[in-house]
């Protein structure tokens, strides 16, 4: 065994250690009174009620706020798609003054209508180039192929 453990009994039985042990044992016991314990329990119960109320409030508020944020985001995304373009409305067209602005608006609207009708096919310049380069000729052979 270690030398410190051998001498520990001697050190605990020494005069200064006995005096400290006597002082500690002569101290009055400090057990809390029942009144103090009751007050502590009431204070803890009140704190736990507040915490439970707060927890329930946030349990309801958190999904509600998340739902509101999602609805607002969806509204901001979907609403502009459902609105007609502002430049094609008659009011916006009437606000444009006469002159070059009105001519530009008319040209733009006509181009948009042509694009809506024609789709994303050839643009007019490509159609003009190809029609002048290639000419279609009908021969008797093609007519014979059509007959069954």
Protein backbone atom coordinates (compact mmCIF):
# COMPACT_ATOMS: atom_id res chain seq x y z
CA UNK A 1 0.00 0.00 0.00
CA UNK A 2 0.91 3.58 -0.39
CA UNK A 3 2.51 5.44 2.50
CA UNK A 4 -0.16 8.15 2.37
CA UNK A 5 -2.90 5.60 3.07
CA UNK A 6 -1.02 4.14 6.04
CA UNK A 7 -0.67 7.49 7.72
CA UNK A 8 -4.21 8.66 7.02
CA UNK A 9 -5.65 7.17 10.23
CA UNK A 10 -2.97 8.88 12.27
CA UNK A 11 -3.67 12.22 10.59
CA UNK A 12 -7.43 11.92 11.11
CA UNK A 13 -6.94 11.17 14.83
CA UNK A 14 -4.62 14.15 15.35
CA UNK A 15 -5.59 17.07 17.63
CA UNK A 16 -6.43 19.71 14.95
CA UNK A 17 -8.60 17.22 13.03
CA UNK A 18 -10.48 16.25 16.20
CA UNK A 19 -11.13 19.94 16.95
CA UNK A 20 -12.59 20.53 13.42
CA UNK A 21 -14.75 17.42 13.72
CA UNK A 22 -16.08 18.64 17.10
CA UNK A 23 -16.89 22.11 15.65
CA UNK A 24 -18.76 20.65 12.67
CA UNK A 25 -20.77 18.28 14.83
CA UNK A 26 -21.73 21.10 17.20
CA UNK A 27 -23.25 23.22 14.39
CA UNK A 28 -27.03 23.36 14.42
CA UNK A 29 -28.75 21.32 11.70
CA UNK A 30 -30.17 23.53 8.97
CA UNK A 31 -33.11 21.63 7.65
CA UNK A 32 -35.52 23.91 5.79
CA UNK A 33 -38.81 24.45 7.52
CA UNK A 34 -42.03 23.10 6.08
CA UNK A 35 -43.26 26.66 5.48
CA UNK A 36 -40.19 27.46 3.39
CA UNK A 37 -40.55 24.20 1.44
CA UNK A 38 -44.21 24.94 0.78
CA UNK A 39 -43.36 28.42 -0.55
CA UNK A 40 -40.68 26.95 -2.80
CA UNK A 41 -43.10 24.36 -4.17
CA UNK A 42 -45.70 27.04 -4.93
CA UNK A 43 -43.15 29.21 -6.74
CA UNK A 44 -41.95 26.22 -8.81
CA UNK A 45 -45.52 25.27 -9.67
CA UNK A 46 -46.28 28.84 -10.85
CA UNK A 47 -43.14 28.84 -13.02
CA UNK A 48 -44.06 25.50 -14.55
CA UNK A 49 -47.58 26.76 -15.37
CA UNK A 50 -46.14 29.78 -17.17
CA UNK A 51 -43.71 27.60 -19.09
CA UNK A 52 -46.50 25.18 -20.07
CA UNK A 53 -48.74 28.03 -21.27
CA UNK A 54 -45.87 29.48 -23.32
CA UNK A 55 -45.09 26.04 -24.78
CA UNK A 56 -48.75 25.55 -25.81
CA UNK A 57 -48.92 29.05 -27.33
CA UNK A 58 -45.84 28.45 -29.47
CA UNK A 59 -47.09 24.97 -30.35
CA UNK A 60 -50.10 26.64 -32.00
CA UNK A 61 -48.32 29.76 -33.26
CA UNK A 62 -45.42 28.03 -35.02
CA UNK A 63 -47.52 26.04 -37.56
CA UNK A 64 -49.88 28.97 -37.98
CA UNK A 65 -47.05 31.34 -38.86
CA UNK A 66 -45.49 28.77 -41.19
CA UNK A 67 -48.83 28.30 -42.96
CA UNK A 68 -49.27 32.05 -43.30
CA UNK A 69 -45.76 32.44 -44.74
CA UNK A 70 -46.36 29.65 -47.28
CA UNK A 71 -49.70 31.14 -48.32
CA UNK A 72 -48.12 34.56 -48.78
CA UNK A 73 -45.30 33.09 -50.86
CA UNK A 74 -47.78 31.18 -53.01
CA UNK A 75 -49.84 34.34 -53.47
CA UNK A 76 -46.78 36.32 -54.55
CA UNK A 77 -45.83 33.63 -57.06
CA UNK A 78 -49.26 32.75 -58.48
CA UNK A 79 -50.91 36.15 -58.55
CA UNK A 80 -48.64 37.76 -61.19
CA UNK A 81 -49.19 34.76 -63.47
CA UNK A 82 -52.95 35.22 -63.29
CA UNK A 83 -52.84 38.96 -63.96
CA UNK A 84 -53.01 40.04 -67.62
CA UNK A 85 -49.95 41.81 -68.98
CA UNK A 86 -50.13 45.47 -68.09
CA UNK A 87 -49.09 46.76 -71.51
CA UNK A 88 -51.83 44.94 -73.39
CA UNK A 89 -54.66 46.42 -71.34
CA UNK A 90 -56.71 49.18 -72.98
CA UNK A 91 -56.06 51.54 -70.06
CA UNK A 92 -52.29 51.22 -70.44
CA UNK A 93 -52.65 51.64 -74.19
CA UNK A 94 -54.75 54.79 -73.71
CA UNK A 95 -52.19 56.26 -71.31
CA UNK A 96 -49.52 56.21 -74.00
CA UNK A 97 -49.46 59.53 -75.79
CA UNK A 98 -49.87 59.90 -79.55
CA UNK A 99 -46.78 59.75 -81.66
CA UNK A 100 -43.88 57.37 -81.63
CA UNK A 101 -44.84 55.81 -78.30
CA UNK A 102 -48.25 54.84 -79.64
CA UNK A 103 -46.72 53.45 -82.83
CA UNK A 104 -44.28 51.37 -80.79
CA UNK A 105 -47.14 50.05 -78.65
CA UNK A 106 -49.17 49.14 -81.75
CA UNK A 107 -46.17 47.40 -83.32
CA UNK A 108 -45.50 45.46 -80.12
CA UNK A 109 -49.11 44.38 -79.75
CA UNK A 110 -49.31 43.30 -83.38
CA UNK A 111 -46.13 41.27 -82.99
CA UNK A 112 -47.48 39.61 -79.87
CA UNK A 113 -50.74 38.74 -81.62
CA UNK A 114 -48.82 37.31 -84.57
CA UNK A 115 -46.67 35.25 -82.22
CA UNK A 116 -49.78 33.96 -80.43
CA UNK A 117 -51.28 32.89 -83.75
CA UNK A 118 -48.13 31.59 -85.44
CA UNK A 119 -46.32 30.16 -82.47
CA UNK A 120 -42.56 29.70 -82.36
CA UNK A 121 -42.13 28.71 -86.02
CA UNK A 122 -40.16 30.61 -88.64
CA UNK A 123 -39.95 34.33 -88.22
CA UNK A 124 -41.05 36.46 -91.21
CA UNK A 125 -37.49 37.08 -92.47
CA UNK A 126 -36.67 33.36 -92.53
CA UNK A 127 -39.92 32.60 -94.30
CA UNK A 128 -39.21 35.27 -96.94
CA UNK A 129 -35.68 33.94 -97.63
CA UNK A 130 -36.71 30.31 -97.95
CA UNK A 131 -39.71 31.02 -100.17
CA UNK A 132 -37.59 32.93 -102.71
CA UNK A 133 -34.85 30.28 -102.83
CA UNK A 134 -36.91 27.15 -103.22
CA UNK A 135 -39.81 26.86 -105.58
CA UNK A 136 -42.25 24.03 -105.50
CA UNK A 137 -43.18 22.51 -108.84
CA UNK A 138 -45.91 19.97 -109.29
CA UNK A 139 -45.40 17.26 -111.83
CA UNK A 140 -47.55 14.46 -113.08
CA UNK A 141 -45.52 11.96 -111.03
CA UNK A 142 -46.56 13.56 -107.77
CA UNK A 143 -50.20 13.48 -108.80
CA UNK A 144 -49.91 9.78 -109.68
CA UNK A 145 -48.50 9.05 -106.25
CA UNK A 146 -51.51 10.64 -104.66
CA UNK A 147 -53.98 8.43 -106.50
CA UNK A 148 -54.57 5.01 -105.13
